[in-house]
Amino acid sequence: MRKDWRLACMASICTAASLPAFADDFYKGRRIDIVVGGNAGGVYDVVARSLARYMPKYIDGAPTMVIQNMPGAGSIKAAEWAATAAPQDGSAIVALYPGALTQPIIENDRKFRFDPATLKYIGSADSGARMCVTYATSGTKTFEDAQKRETIIGASAGGGSTFDYAWMVKNLTGAKFRVVAGYKGTPDLELAMERGEIDGMCGYGLAALRAEKPDWFRDRKINFLVQFATRPDKELTALGAPDIVKFVSGDNRKAVDLIIAQQDFSRPYIAPPGTPAARIAILRKAFDAAVADPDMKSEFNRLNSPLTPVSGADLEKMIAQLIATPPAVAVLARKAQQPD
């Protein structure tokens, strides 16, 4: 009996030694960095800071989460950092603009230092419509006006929605936009609109509007020229914003469909390519629990900007579908977003 017991004990020790360490032990007393590929103060930053408060309580080991901002090239800088310099052990998460994930697919003739196919997907905190808007004092009140008169549209850098969508509209619909790029983010663009430096902006998220400028929405301080959505937003339709597809057709429609597909994952969170699968599973589970947390939901409901999250598994499938885009459609979409 003693011999059998000792053999059984040795077998159990060998089995335990062959198993990987429990991934949740890794996070005990650790710090997880959420690197935001945009400036502090914008809605991407606001959502990330909320996640940093709620996610840790759903991770065994109660790690702390710290926000770092890494703006640049429409989040491309942050995506390249994730692929080339970030720790690959589950201690780094990166919040990107969705265009950073679609840009390498669309600009397939350009070399990027990351591959969307190899990134690990945690989830998206939101999905929803974007718009072209002008400030109330602008002479451009409707999209038909924009097709007749010069309208100054502010934008960030290439890869950001305010840049890409402005050029897409100008190039594919004939809108008389004069695109002025170089603004850091939507807060700067909003201020420029109020000062009269620009008429408006494109690629502006409905969630960002509600979170950053609730009075604009409440008091109708802006004109809604056109909306971009894979499924038209009923509220924007009621406000008089037509769907962009009304103004494009044929191959141009295919290019538009590819570009606006990113709105189904408008606030994506990724992890570096080498992050272990067990830790990705933990981060996905914590992400899903955080965005479903009643307190976090209440935060954004108070901002009149409820979250519409997407799971990491669903986000991964969406990216795979976009990667399979026919090259000819990608070329059209690339040209549509380039300055003329």
C-alpha atoms as a PDB file:
ATOM      1  CA  MET A   1       0.000   0.000   0.000  1.00  0.00           C
ATOM      2  CA  ARG A   2       2.808   2.383   0.973  1.00  0.00           C
ATOM      3  CA  LYS A   3       4.540   1.790  -2.363  1.00  0.00           C
ATOM      4  CA  ASP A   4       1.320   2.365  -4.326  1.00  0.00           C
ATOM      5  CA  TRP A   5       0.652   5.549  -2.395  1.00  0.00           C
ATOM      6  CA  ARG A   6       4.156   6.852  -3.104  1.00  0.00           C
ATOM      7  CA  LEU A   7       3.827   6.057  -6.815  1.00  0.00           C
ATOM      8  CA  ALA A   8       0.480   7.840  -6.992  1.00  0.00           C
ATOM      9  CA  CYS A   9       1.941  10.831  -5.220  1.00  0.00           C
ATOM     10  CA  MET A  10       4.911  10.964  -7.564  1.00  0.00           C
ATOM     11  CA  ALA A  11       2.587  10.738 -10.575  1.00  0.00           C
ATOM     12  CA  SER A  12       0.514  13.657  -9.336  1.00  0.00           C
ATOM     13  CA  ILE A  13       3.648  15.746  -8.775  1.00  0.00           C
ATOM     14  CA  CYS A  14       4.891  14.978 -12.288  1.00  0.00           C
ATOM     15  CA  THR A  15       1.501  15.865 -13.770  1.00  0.00           C
ATOM     16  CA  ALA A  16       1.387  19.146 -11.869  1.00  0.00           C
ATOM     17  CA  ALA A  17       4.904  19.997 -12.974  1.00  0.00           C
ATOM     18  CA  SER A  18       3.960  19.478 -16.603  1.00  0.00           C
ATOM     19  CA  LEU A  19       1.029  21.930 -16.442  1.00  0.00           C
ATOM     20  CA  PRO A  20       1.535  25.653 -17.090  1.00  0.00           C
ATOM     21  CA  ALA A  21       1.415  27.999 -14.132  1.00  0.00           C
ATOM     22  CA  PHE A  22      -2.035  29.366 -13.445  1.00  0.00           C
ATOM     23  CA  ALA A  23      -2.310  32.535 -15.498  1.00  0.00           C
ATOM     24  CA  ASP A  24      -4.275  34.367 -12.804  1.00  0.00           C
ATOM     25  CA  ASP A  25      -1.329  34.003 -10.374  1.00  0.00           C
ATOM     26  CA  PHE A  26       0.630  36.206 -12.763  1.00  0.00           C
ATOM     27  CA  TYR A  27      -1.528  39.248 -11.994  1.00  0.00           C
ATOM     28  CA  LYS A  28      -1.223  39.148  -8.209  1.00  0.00           C
ATOM     29  CA  GLY A  29       0.249  42.470  -7.166  1.00  0.00           C
ATOM     30  CA  ARG A  30       1.022  43.364 -10.787  1.00  0.00           C
ATOM     31  CA  ARG A  31       0.376  46.446 -12.888  1.00  0.00           C
ATOM     32  CA  ILE A  32      -1.346  46.389 -16.267  1.00  0.00           C
ATOM     33  CA  ASP A  33      -0.742  49.358 -18.549  1.00  0.00           C
ATOM     34  CA  ILE A  34      -3.533  50.524 -20.823  1.00  0.00           C
ATOM     35  CA  VAL A  35      -1.807  52.501 -23.546  1.00  0.00           C
ATOM     36  CA  VAL A  36      -4.229  54.841 -25.327  1.00  0.00           C
ATOM     37  CA  GLY A  37      -3.324  55.683 -28.912  1.00  0.00           C
ATOM     38  CA  GLY A  38      -4.776  59.170 -28.578  1.00  0.00           C
ATOM     39  CA  ASN A  39      -4.554  62.327 -26.483  1.00  0.00           C
ATOM     40  CA  ALA A  40      -5.749  62.716 -22.916  1.00  0.00           C
ATOM     41  CA  GLY A  41      -9.215  64.169 -22.539  1.00  0.00           C
ATOM     42  CA  GLY A  42     -10.828  62.645 -25.620  1.00  0.00           C
ATOM     43  CA  VAL A  43     -13.564  60.048 -25.421  1.00  0.00           C
ATOM     44  CA  TYR A  44     -11.109  57.196 -26.121  1.00  0.00           C
ATOM     45  CA  ASP A  45      -9.161  58.303 -23.062  1.00  0.00           C
ATOM     46  CA  VAL A  46     -12.346  58.635 -20.983  1.00  0.00           C
ATOM     47  CA  VAL A  47     -13.477  55.088 -21.810  1.00  0.00           C
ATOM     48  CA  ALA A  48     -10.021  53.657 -21.104  1.00  0.00           C
ATOM     49  CA  ARG A  49      -9.863  55.328 -17.701  1.00  0.00           C
ATOM     50  CA  SER A  50     -13.245  53.890 -16.823  1.00  0.00           C
ATOM     51  CA  LEU A  51     -12.077  50.407 -17.853  1.00  0.00           C
ATOM     52  CA  ALA A  52      -8.962  50.868 -15.712  1.00  0.00           C
ATOM     53  CA  ARG A  53     -11.237  51.309 -12.694  1.00  0.00           C
ATOM     54  CA  TYR A  54     -13.563  48.376 -13.352  1.00  0.00           C
ATOM     55  CA  MET A  55     -11.526  45.641 -15.038  1.00  0.00           C
ATOM     56  CA  PRO A  56      -9.172  44.870 -12.108  1.00  0.00           C
ATOM     57  CA  LYS A  57     -11.972  43.641  -9.873  1.00  0.00           C
ATOM     58  CA  TYR A  58     -12.692  40.895 -12.409  1.00  0.00           C
ATOM     59  CA  ILE A  59      -9.088  39.657 -12.536  1.00  0.00           C
ATOM     60  CA  ASP A  60      -7.802  37.291  -9.861  1.00  0.00           C
ATOM     61  CA  GLY A  61      -4.882  38.889  -8.085  1.00  0.00           C
ATOM     62  CA  ALA A  62      -6.413  42.382  -8.172  1.00  0.00           C
ATOM     63  CA  PRO A  63      -3.792  44.078 -10.384  1.00  0.00           C
ATOM     64  CA  THR A  64      -3.725  47.835 -10.753  1.00  0.00           C
ATOM     65  CA  MET A  65      -4.336  49.419 -14.152  1.00  0.00           C
ATOM     66  CA  VAL A  66      -2.538  52.572 -15.227  1.00  0.00           C
ATOM     67  CA  ILE A  67      -3.308  54.749 -18.260  1.00  0.00           C
ATOM     68  CA  GLN A  68      -0.562  55.983 -20.549  1.00  0.00           C
ATOM     69  CA  ASN A  69      -1.196  58.097 -23.642  1.00  0.00           C
ATOM     70  CA  MET A  70       0.717  57.452 -26.855  1.00  0.00           C
ATOM     71  CA  PRO A  71      -0.848  59.595 -29.598  1.00  0.00           C
ATOM     72  CA  GLY A  72       0.535  59.591 -33.103  1.00  0.00           C
ATOM     73  CA  ALA A  73      -0.447  58.784 -36.705  1.00  0.00           C
ATOM     74  CA  GLY A  74      -4.042  57.914 -35.896  1.00  0.00           C
ATOM     75  CA  SER A  75      -2.970  55.273 -33.288  1.00  0.00           C
ATOM     76  CA  ILE A  76      -0.525  53.624 -35.711  1.00  0.00           C
ATOM     77  CA  LYS A  77       2.298  54.562 -33.326  1.00  0.00           C
ATOM     78  CA  ALA A  78       0.600  52.711 -30.457  1.00  0.00           C
ATOM     79  CA  ALA A  79      -0.170  49.676 -32.647  1.00  0.00           C
ATOM     80  CA  GLU A  80       3.464  49.467 -33.763  1.00  0.00           C
ATOM     81  CA  TRP A  81       4.613  49.776 -30.156  1.00  0.00           C
ATOM     82  CA  ALA A  82       2.337  46.854 -29.245  1.00  0.00           C
ATOM     83  CA  ALA A  83       3.899  44.690 -31.942  1.00  0.00           C
ATOM     84  CA  THR A  84       7.552  45.642 -31.495  1.00  0.00           C
ATOM     85  CA  ALA A  85       8.296  46.987 -28.010  1.00  0.00           C
ATOM     86  CA  ALA A  86       5.464  46.186 -25.588  1.00  0.00           C
ATOM     87  CA  PRO A  87       5.788  43.415 -22.997  1.00  0.00           C
ATOM     88  CA  GLN A  88       4.305  40.216 -24.408  1.00  0.00           C
ATOM     89  CA  ASP A  89       3.246  38.744 -21.061  1.00  0.00           C
ATOM     90  CA  GLY A  90      -0.272  40.113 -20.575  1.00  0.00           C
ATOM     91  CA  SER A  91       0.741  43.293 -18.738  1.00  0.00           C
ATOM     92  CA  ALA A  92      -0.051  45.616 -21.659  1.00  0.00           C
ATOM     93  CA  ILE A  93      -3.326  46.478 -23.392  1.00  0.00           C
ATOM     94  CA  VAL A  94      -3.595  49.062 -26.161  1.00  0.00           C
ATOM     95  CA  ALA A  95      -6.644  51.173 -27.023  1.00  0.00           C
ATOM     96  CA  LEU A  96      -6.633  52.078 -30.707  1.00  0.00           C
ATOM     97  CA  TYR A  97      -8.607  54.146 -33.126  1.00  0.00           C
ATOM     98  CA  PRO A  98     -10.341  51.595 -35.371  1.00  0.00           C
ATOM     99  CA  GLY A  99      -8.676  53.082 -38.443  1.00  0.00           C
ATOM    100  CA  ALA A 100      -5.348  51.822 -37.149  1.00  0.00           C
ATOM    101  CA  LEU A 101      -6.620  48.275 -37.700  1.00  0.00           C
ATOM    102  CA  THR A 102      -8.149  48.888 -41.121  1.00  0.00           C
ATOM    103  CA  GLN A 103      -5.366  51.073 -42.514  1.00  0.00           C
ATOM    104  CA  PRO A 104      -2.887  48.196 -43.130  1.00  0.00           C
ATOM    105  CA  ILE A 105      -5.685  46.324 -44.929  1.00  0.00           C
ATOM    106  CA  ILE A 106      -6.577  49.292 -47.106  1.00  0.00           C
ATOM    107  CA  GLU A 107      -3.025  50.579 -47.615  1.00  0.00           C
ATOM    108  CA  ASN A 108      -1.639  47.189 -48.582  1.00  0.00           C
ATOM    109  CA  ASP A 109       1.208  48.763 -50.574  1.00  0.00           C
ATOM    110  CA  ARG A 110       2.670  50.427 -47.483  1.00  0.00           C
ATOM    111  CA  LYS A 111       4.878  48.768 -44.892  1.00  0.00           C
ATOM    112  CA  PHE A 112       3.581  48.804 -41.335  1.00  0.00           C
ATOM    113  CA  ARG A 113       5.454  47.512 -38.303  1.00  0.00           C
ATOM    114  CA  PHE A 114       2.459  45.494 -37.171  1.00  0.00           C
ATOM    115  CA  ASP A 115       0.018  43.037 -38.712  1.00  0.00           C
ATOM    116  CA  PRO A 116      -3.673  43.121 -37.692  1.00  0.00           C
ATOM    117  CA  ALA A 117      -3.786  39.351 -38.274  1.00  0.00           C
ATOM    118  CA  THR A 118      -1.295  38.693 -35.454  1.00  0.00           C
ATOM    119  CA  LEU A 119      -2.623  41.075 -32.803  1.00  0.00           C
ATOM    120  CA  LYS A 120      -4.686  39.673 -29.940  1.00  0.00           C
ATOM    121  CA  TYR A 121      -8.175  41.116 -29.585  1.00  0.00           C
ATOM    122  CA  ILE A 122      -9.630  41.901 -26.156  1.00  0.00           C
ATOM    123  CA  GLY A 123     -12.869  43.547 -27.312  1.00  0.00           C
ATOM    124  CA  SER A 124     -14.375  46.833 -28.401  1.00  0.00           C
ATOM    125  CA  ALA A 125     -16.001  49.149 -25.889  1.00  0.00           C
ATOM    126  CA  ASP A 126     -18.366  50.622 -28.431  1.00  0.00           C
ATOM    127  CA  SER A 127     -19.785  50.531 -31.929  1.00  0.00           C
ATOM    128  CA  GLY A 128     -21.925  53.062 -33.677  1.00  0.00           C
ATOM    129  CA  ALA A 129     -22.453  55.831 -36.183  1.00  0.00           C
ATOM    130  CA  ARG A 130     -20.154  58.670 -37.234  1.00  0.00           C
ATOM    131  CA  MET A 131     -21.093  61.956 -38.862  1.00  0.00           C
ATOM    132  CA  CYS A 132     -20.040  65.024 -40.760  1.00  0.00           C
ATOM    133  CA  VAL A 133     -21.196  68.060 -38.803  1.00  0.00           C
ATOM    134  CA  THR A 134     -20.845  71.825 -38.985  1.00  0.00           C
ATOM    135  CA  TYR A 135     -21.253  74.386 -36.227  1.00  0.00           C
ATOM    136  CA  ALA A 136     -24.528  76.283 -36.048  1.00  0.00           C
ATOM    137  CA  THR A 137     -22.936  79.511 -37.304  1.00  0.00           C
ATOM    138  CA  SER A 138     -21.617  77.876 -40.499  1.00  0.00           C
ATOM    139  CA  GLY A 139     -23.279  78.698 -43.798  1.00  0.00           C
ATOM    140  CA  THR A 140     -23.195  74.973 -44.620  1.00  0.00           C
ATOM    141  CA  LYS A 141     -26.351  73.564 -43.038  1.00  0.00           C
ATOM    142  CA  THR A 142     -26.940  70.450 -45.159  1.00  0.00           C
ATOM    143  CA  PHE A 143     -24.936  68.065 -47.295  1.00  0.00           C
ATOM    144  CA  GLU A 144     -26.464  69.658 -50.373  1.00  0.00           C
ATOM    145  CA  ASP A 145     -24.931  72.957 -49.185  1.00  0.00           C
ATOM    146  CA  ALA A 146     -21.542  71.222 -48.875  1.00  0.00           C
ATOM    147  CA  GLN A 147     -21.787  70.157 -52.510  1.00  0.00           C
ATOM    148  CA  LYS A 148     -22.287  73.783 -53.583  1.00  0.00           C
ATOM    149  CA  ARG A 149     -20.107  75.946 -51.316  1.00  0.00           C
ATOM    150  CA  GLU A 150     -16.605  75.647 -49.891  1.00  0.00           C
ATOM    151  CA  THR A 151     -16.686  74.228 -46.392  1.00  0.00           C
ATOM    152  CA  ILE A 152     -13.597  74.186 -44.159  1.00  0.00           C
ATOM    153  CA  ILE A 153     -13.330  70.790 -42.471  1.00  0.00           C
ATOM    154  CA  GLY A 154     -10.814  70.255 -39.678  1.00  0.00           C
ATOM    155  CA  ALA A 155      -8.994  66.937 -39.322  1.00  0.00           C
ATOM    156  CA  SER A 156      -6.341  65.104 -37.375  1.00  0.00           C
ATOM    157  CA  ALA A 157      -3.667  62.951 -39.053  1.00  0.00           C
ATOM    158  CA  GLY A 158      -4.036  60.141 -41.582  1.00  0.00           C
ATOM    159  CA  GLY A 159      -5.463  57.019 -39.947  1.00  0.00           C
ATOM    160  CA  GLY A 160      -7.737  59.065 -37.695  1.00  0.00           C
ATOM    161  CA  SER A 161     -11.407  59.041 -38.640  1.00  0.00           C
ATOM    162  CA  THR A 162     -11.616  62.842 -38.901  1.00  0.00           C
ATOM    163  CA  PHE A 163      -8.926  62.791 -41.606  1.00  0.00           C
ATOM    164  CA  ASP A 164      -9.898  59.634 -43.483  1.00  0.00           C
ATOM    165  CA  TYR A 165     -13.631  60.353 -43.579  1.00  0.00           C
ATOM    166  CA  ALA A 166     -13.170  63.980 -44.658  1.00  0.00           C
ATOM    167  CA  TRP A 167     -11.092  62.954 -47.679  1.00  0.00           C
ATOM    168  CA  MET A 168     -13.390  60.020 -48.452  1.00  0.00           C
ATOM    169  CA  VAL A 169     -16.378  62.369 -48.645  1.00  0.00           C
ATOM    170  CA  LYS A 170     -14.501  64.983 -50.664  1.00  0.00           C
ATOM    171  CA  ASN A 171     -13.113  62.456 -53.151  1.00  0.00           C
ATOM    172  CA  LEU A 172     -16.173  60.251 -53.641  1.00  0.00           C
ATOM    173  CA  THR A 173     -19.103  62.666 -53.445  1.00  0.00           C
ATOM    174  CA  GLY A 174     -17.755  65.913 -54.859  1.00  0.00           C
ATOM    175  CA  ALA A 175     -18.366  67.846 -51.637  1.00  0.00           C
ATOM    176  CA  LYS A 176     -16.492  71.146 -51.756  1.00  0.00           C
ATOM    177  CA  PHE A 177     -14.440  70.462 -48.643  1.00  0.00           C
ATOM    178  CA  ARG A 178     -11.217  72.269 -47.864  1.00  0.00           C
ATOM    179  CA  VAL A 179      -9.582  69.851 -45.448  1.00  0.00           C
ATOM    180  CA  VAL A 180      -7.299  71.421 -42.830  1.00  0.00           C
ATOM    181  CA  ALA A 181      -5.327  68.701 -41.043  1.00  0.00           C
ATOM    182  CA  GLY A 182      -3.054  68.744 -37.997  1.00  0.00           C
ATOM    183  CA  TYR A 183      -5.475  68.990 -35.078  1.00  0.00           C
ATOM    184  CA  LYS A 184      -4.643  66.659 -32.178  1.00  0.00           C
ATOM    185  CA  GLY A 185      -8.112  65.240 -31.596  1.00  0.00           C
ATOM    186  CA  THR A 186     -11.816  65.956 -31.305  1.00  0.00           C
ATOM    187  CA  PRO A 187     -11.492  68.333 -28.302  1.00  0.00           C
ATOM    188  CA  ASP A 188      -9.231  70.603 -30.379  1.00  0.00           C
ATOM    189  CA  LEU A 189     -11.561  70.349 -33.369  1.00  0.00           C
ATOM    190  CA  GLU A 190     -14.571  71.182 -31.220  1.00  0.00           C
ATOM    191  CA  LEU A 191     -12.803  74.294 -29.919  1.00  0.00           C
ATOM    192  CA  ALA A 192     -11.845  75.302 -33.463  1.00  0.00           C
ATOM    193  CA  MET A 193     -15.502  75.027 -34.500  1.00  0.00           C
ATOM    194  CA  GLU A 194     -16.612  77.226 -31.611  1.00  0.00           C
ATOM    195  CA  ARG A 195     -13.957  79.810 -32.512  1.00  0.00           C
ATOM    196  CA  GLY A 196     -15.009  79.839 -36.146  1.00  0.00           C
ATOM    197  CA  GLU A 197     -11.618  78.594 -37.400  1.00  0.00           C
ATOM    198  CA  ILE A 198     -13.338  75.750 -39.236  1.00  0.00           C
ATOM    199  CA  ASP A 199     -16.885  75.010 -40.299  1.00  0.00           C
ATOM    200  CA  GLY A 200     -16.950  71.466 -38.966  1.00  0.00           C
ATOM    201  CA  MET A 201     -15.508  67.956 -39.043  1.00  0.00           C
ATOM    202  CA  CYS A 202     -16.201  64.491 -40.401  1.00  0.00           C
ATOM    203  CA  GLY A 203     -15.787  61.084 -38.802  1.00  0.00           C
ATOM    204  CA  TYR A 204     -17.174  62.523 -35.557  1.00  0.00           C
ATOM    205  CA  GLY A 205     -18.637  59.766 -33.408  1.00  0.00           C
ATOM    206  CA  LEU A 206     -22.128  60.125 -32.009  1.00  0.00           C
ATOM    207  CA  ALA A 207     -20.849  58.720 -28.700  1.00  0.00           C
ATOM    208  CA  ALA A 208     -18.035  61.301 -28.655  1.00  0.00           C
ATOM    209  CA  LEU A 209     -20.517  64.109 -29.257  1.00  0.00           C
ATOM    210  CA  ARG A 210     -22.715  63.001 -26.377  1.00  0.00           C
ATOM    211  CA  ALA A 211     -19.787  62.529 -24.006  1.00  0.00           C
ATOM    212  CA  GLU A 212     -17.705  65.609 -24.878  1.00  0.00           C
ATOM    213  CA  LYS A 213     -20.321  68.157 -25.952  1.00  0.00           C
ATOM    214  CA  PRO A 214     -23.715  67.166 -24.534  1.00  0.00           C
ATOM    215  CA  ASP A 215     -24.943  70.754 -24.856  1.00  0.00           C
ATOM    216  CA  TRP A 216     -24.227  70.690 -28.597  1.00  0.00           C
ATOM    217  CA  PHE A 217     -26.512  67.704 -28.923  1.00  0.00           C
ATOM    218  CA  ARG A 218     -29.140  68.903 -26.450  1.00  0.00           C
ATOM    219  CA  ASP A 219     -29.350  72.459 -27.780  1.00  0.00           C
ATOM    220  CA  ARG A 220     -28.775  71.547 -31.449  1.00  0.00           C
ATOM    221  CA  LYS A 221     -25.690  73.712 -31.787  1.00  0.00           C
ATOM    222  CA  ILE A 222     -24.518  71.745 -34.808  1.00  0.00           C
ATOM    223  CA  ASN A 223     -25.841  70.794 -38.221  1.00  0.00           C
ATOM    224  CA  PHE A 224     -25.865  67.078 -39.099  1.00  0.00           C
ATOM    225  CA  LEU A 225     -24.764  66.860 -42.735  1.00  0.00           C
ATOM    226  CA  VAL A 226     -24.433  63.119 -43.321  1.00  0.00           C
ATOM    227  CA  GLN A 227     -24.000  59.909 -41.338  1.00  0.00           C
ATOM    228  CA  PHE A 228     -21.777  56.853 -41.748  1.00  0.00           C
ATOM    229  CA  ALA A 229     -23.050  53.554 -40.374  1.00  0.00           C
ATOM    230  CA  THR A 230     -23.248  49.930 -41.412  1.00  0.00           C
ATOM    231  CA  ARG A 231     -26.887  50.255 -40.349  1.00  0.00           C
ATOM    232  CA  PRO A 232     -28.304  53.822 -40.404  1.00  0.00           C
ATOM    233  CA  ASP A 233     -28.782  55.298 -36.951  1.00  0.00           C
ATOM    234  CA  LYS A 234     -32.467  56.047 -36.368  1.00  0.00           C
ATOM    235  CA  GLU A 235     -31.759  59.059 -34.176  1.00  0.00           C
ATOM    236  CA  LEU A 236     -29.461  60.677 -36.726  1.00  0.00           C
ATOM    237  CA  THR A 237     -31.958  59.927 -39.478  1.00  0.00           C
ATOM    238  CA  ALA A 238     -34.639  61.706 -37.450  1.00  0.00           C
ATOM    239  CA  LEU A 239     -32.274  64.685 -37.084  1.00  0.00           C
ATOM    240  CA  GLY A 240     -32.049  64.927 -40.869  1.00  0.00           C
ATOM    241  CA  ALA A 241     -28.658  63.269 -41.454  1.00  0.00           C
ATOM    242  CA  PRO A 242     -28.861  61.180 -44.659  1.00  0.00           C
ATOM    243  CA  ASP A 243     -26.836  57.986 -45.098  1.00  0.00           C
ATOM    244  CA  ILE A 244     -23.584  58.496 -47.041  1.00  0.00           C
ATOM    245  CA  VAL A 245     -24.601  55.699 -49.440  1.00  0.00           C
ATOM    246  CA  LYS A 246     -27.200  58.080 -50.867  1.00  0.00           C
ATOM    247  CA  PHE A 247     -24.345  59.999 -52.492  1.00  0.00           C
ATOM    248  CA  VAL A 248     -22.177  57.145 -53.826  1.00  0.00           C
ATOM    249  CA  SER A 249     -22.750  54.204 -56.147  1.00  0.00           C
ATOM    250  CA  GLY A 250     -21.000  51.362 -57.961  1.00  0.00           C
ATOM    251  CA  ASP A 251     -17.405  50.673 -56.963  1.00  0.00           C
ATOM    252  CA  ASN A 252     -17.348  53.817 -54.838  1.00  0.00           C
ATOM    253  CA  ARG A 253     -20.044  52.219 -52.687  1.00  0.00           C
ATOM    254  CA  LYS A 254     -17.797  49.179 -52.131  1.00  0.00           C
ATOM    255  CA  ALA A 255     -14.960  51.437 -51.014  1.00  0.00           C
ATOM    256  CA  VAL A 256     -17.243  53.291 -48.594  1.00  0.00           C
ATOM    257  CA  ASP A 257     -18.555  50.008 -47.166  1.00  0.00           C
ATOM    258  CA  LEU A 258     -14.991  48.873 -46.459  1.00  0.00           C
ATOM    259  CA  ILE A 259     -13.990  52.147 -44.803  1.00  0.00           C
ATOM    260  CA  ILE A 260     -17.019  52.417 -42.525  1.00  0.00           C
ATOM    261  CA  ALA A 261     -16.878  48.737 -41.504  1.00  0.00           C
ATOM    262  CA  GLN A 262     -14.604  49.903 -38.684  1.00  0.00           C
ATOM    263  CA  GLN A 263     -17.595  51.446 -36.939  1.00  0.00           C
ATOM    264  CA  ASP A 264     -18.729  48.009 -35.841  1.00  0.00           C
ATOM    265  CA  PHE A 265     -15.697  48.121 -33.503  1.00  0.00           C
ATOM    266  CA  SER A 266     -15.207  51.809 -32.876  1.00  0.00           C
ATOM    267  CA  ARG A 267     -13.189  51.511 -29.610  1.00  0.00           C
ATOM    268  CA  PRO A 268     -10.996  48.417 -29.989  1.00  0.00           C
ATOM    269  CA  TYR A 269      -8.626  47.046 -27.349  1.00  0.00           C
ATOM    270  CA  ILE A 270      -5.775  44.784 -28.347  1.00  0.00           C
ATOM    271  CA  ALA A 271      -2.829  42.984 -26.742  1.00  0.00           C
ATOM    272  CA  PRO A 272       0.622  42.318 -28.222  1.00  0.00           C
ATOM    273  CA  PRO A 273       0.977  39.317 -30.566  1.00  0.00           C
ATOM    274  CA  GLY A 274       2.999  37.198 -28.134  1.00  0.00           C
ATOM    275  CA  THR A 275       0.590  37.463 -25.205  1.00  0.00           C
ATOM    276  CA  PRO A 276      -0.181  33.934 -23.897  1.00  0.00           C
ATOM    277  CA  ALA A 277      -3.619  32.585 -24.799  1.00  0.00           C
ATOM    278  CA  ALA A 278      -4.519  31.929 -21.150  1.00  0.00           C
ATOM    279  CA  ARG A 279      -3.948  35.587 -20.279  1.00  0.00           C
ATOM    280  CA  ILE A 280      -5.892  36.783 -23.318  1.00  0.00           C
ATOM    281  CA  ALA A 281      -8.804  34.677 -22.050  1.00  0.00           C
ATOM    282  CA  ILE A 282      -8.543  36.339 -18.626  1.00  0.00           C
ATOM    283  CA  LEU A 283      -8.386  39.841 -20.109  1.00  0.00           C
ATOM    284  CA  ARG A 284     -11.328  39.154 -22.419  1.00  0.00           C
ATOM    285  CA  LYS A 285     -13.427  37.856 -19.555  1.00  0.00           C
ATOM    286  CA  ALA A 286     -12.565  40.878 -17.395  1.00  0.00           C
ATOM    287  CA  PHE A 287     -13.267  43.270 -20.274  1.00  0.00           C
ATOM    288  CA  ASP A 288     -16.696  41.735 -20.917  1.00  0.00           C
ATOM    289  CA  ALA A 289     -17.528  41.885 -17.206  1.00  0.00           C
ATOM    290  CA  ALA A 290     -16.384  45.499 -16.880  1.00  0.00           C
ATOM    291  CA  VAL A 291     -18.446  46.859 -19.790  1.00  0.00           C
ATOM    292  CA  ALA A 292     -21.447  44.963 -18.376  1.00  0.00           C
ATOM    293  CA  ASP A 293     -20.830  46.253 -14.846  1.00  0.00           C
ATOM    294  CA  PRO A 294     -23.895  48.249 -13.701  1.00  0.00           C
ATOM    295  CA  ASP A 295     -21.718  51.048 -12.322  1.00  0.00           C
ATOM    296  CA  MET A 296     -19.694  51.446 -15.498  1.00  0.00           C
ATOM    297  CA  LYS A 297     -22.839  51.320 -17.620  1.00  0.00           C
ATOM    298  CA  SER A 298     -24.384  53.939 -15.365  1.00  0.00           C
ATOM    299  CA  GLU A 299     -21.395  56.258 -15.895  1.00  0.00           C
ATOM    300  CA  PHE A 300     -21.932  56.352 -19.635  1.00  0.00           C
ATOM    301  CA  ASN A 301     -25.709  56.410 -19.398  1.00  0.00           C
ATOM    302  CA  ARG A 302     -25.369  59.604 -17.344  1.00  0.00           C
ATOM    303  CA  LEU A 303     -23.307  61.017 -20.210  1.00  0.00           C
ATOM    304  CA  ASN A 304     -26.163  60.047 -22.540  1.00  0.00           C
ATOM    305  CA  SER A 305     -23.615  57.853 -24.317  1.00  0.00           C
ATOM    306  CA  PRO A 306     -24.441  54.210 -23.573  1.00  0.00           C
ATOM    307  CA  LEU A 307     -21.772  51.705 -24.568  1.00  0.00           C
ATOM    308  CA  THR A 308     -22.465  49.064 -27.215  1.00  0.00           C
ATOM    309  CA  PRO A 309     -19.571  46.645 -26.661  1.00  0.00           C
ATOM    310  CA  VAL A 310     -18.222  43.857 -28.884  1.00  0.00           C
ATOM    311  CA  SER A 311     -16.521  40.747 -27.484  1.00  0.00           C
ATOM    312  CA  GLY A 312     -12.924  39.893 -28.283  1.00  0.00           C
ATOM    313  CA  ALA A 313     -13.948  36.767 -30.185  1.00  0.00           C
ATOM    314  CA  ASP A 314     -16.403  38.722 -32.346  1.00  0.00           C
ATOM    315  CA  LEU A 315     -13.862  41.483 -32.946  1.00  0.00           C
ATOM    316  CA  GLU A 316     -11.320  38.890 -34.075  1.00  0.00           C
ATOM    317  CA  LYS A 317     -13.835  37.529 -36.611  1.00  0.00           C
ATOM    318  CA  MET A 318     -14.566  41.035 -37.931  1.00  0.00           C
ATOM    319  CA  ILE A 319     -10.881  41.708 -38.515  1.00  0.00           C
ATOM    320  CA  ALA A 320     -10.462  38.355 -40.287  1.00  0.00           C
ATOM    321  CA  GLN A 321     -13.329  39.241 -42.647  1.00  0.00           C
ATOM    322  CA  LEU A 322     -11.759  42.607 -43.456  1.00  0.00           C
ATOM    323  CA  ILE A 323      -8.380  41.006 -44.122  1.00  0.00           C
ATOM    324  CA  ALA A 324     -10.117  38.894 -46.790  1.00  0.00           C
ATOM    325  CA  THR A 325     -11.201  42.042 -48.695  1.00  0.00           C
ATOM    326  CA  PRO A 326     -10.507  41.794 -52.468  1.00  0.00           C
ATOM    327  CA  PRO A 327      -7.370  43.813 -53.328  1.00  0.00           C
ATOM    328  CA  ALA A 328      -9.183  45.907 -55.939  1.00  0.00           C
ATOM    329  CA  VAL A 329     -11.660  47.179 -53.338  1.00  0.00           C
ATOM    330  CA  ALA A 330      -8.807  47.969 -50.960  1.00  0.00           C
ATOM    331  CA  VAL A 331      -7.130  50.063 -53.687  1.00  0.00           C
ATOM    332  CA  LEU A 332     -10.318  52.081 -54.210  1.00  0.00           C
ATOM    333  CA  ALA A 333     -10.670  52.678 -50.484  1.00  0.00           C
ATOM    334  CA  ARG A 334      -7.020  53.725 -50.206  1.00  0.00           C
ATOM    335  CA  LYS A 335      -7.325  56.283 -52.988  1.00  0.00           C
ATOM    336  CA  ALA A 336     -10.558  57.597 -51.496  1.00  0.00           C
ATOM    337  CA  GLN A 337      -8.813  58.580 -48.265  1.00  0.00           C
ATOM    338  CA  GLN A 338      -5.793  60.266 -49.828  1.00  0.00           C
ATOM    339  CA  PRO A 339      -5.465  64.025 -50.275  1.00  0.00           C
ATOM    340  CA  ASP A 340      -6.078  64.969 -53.892  1.00  0.00           C
END
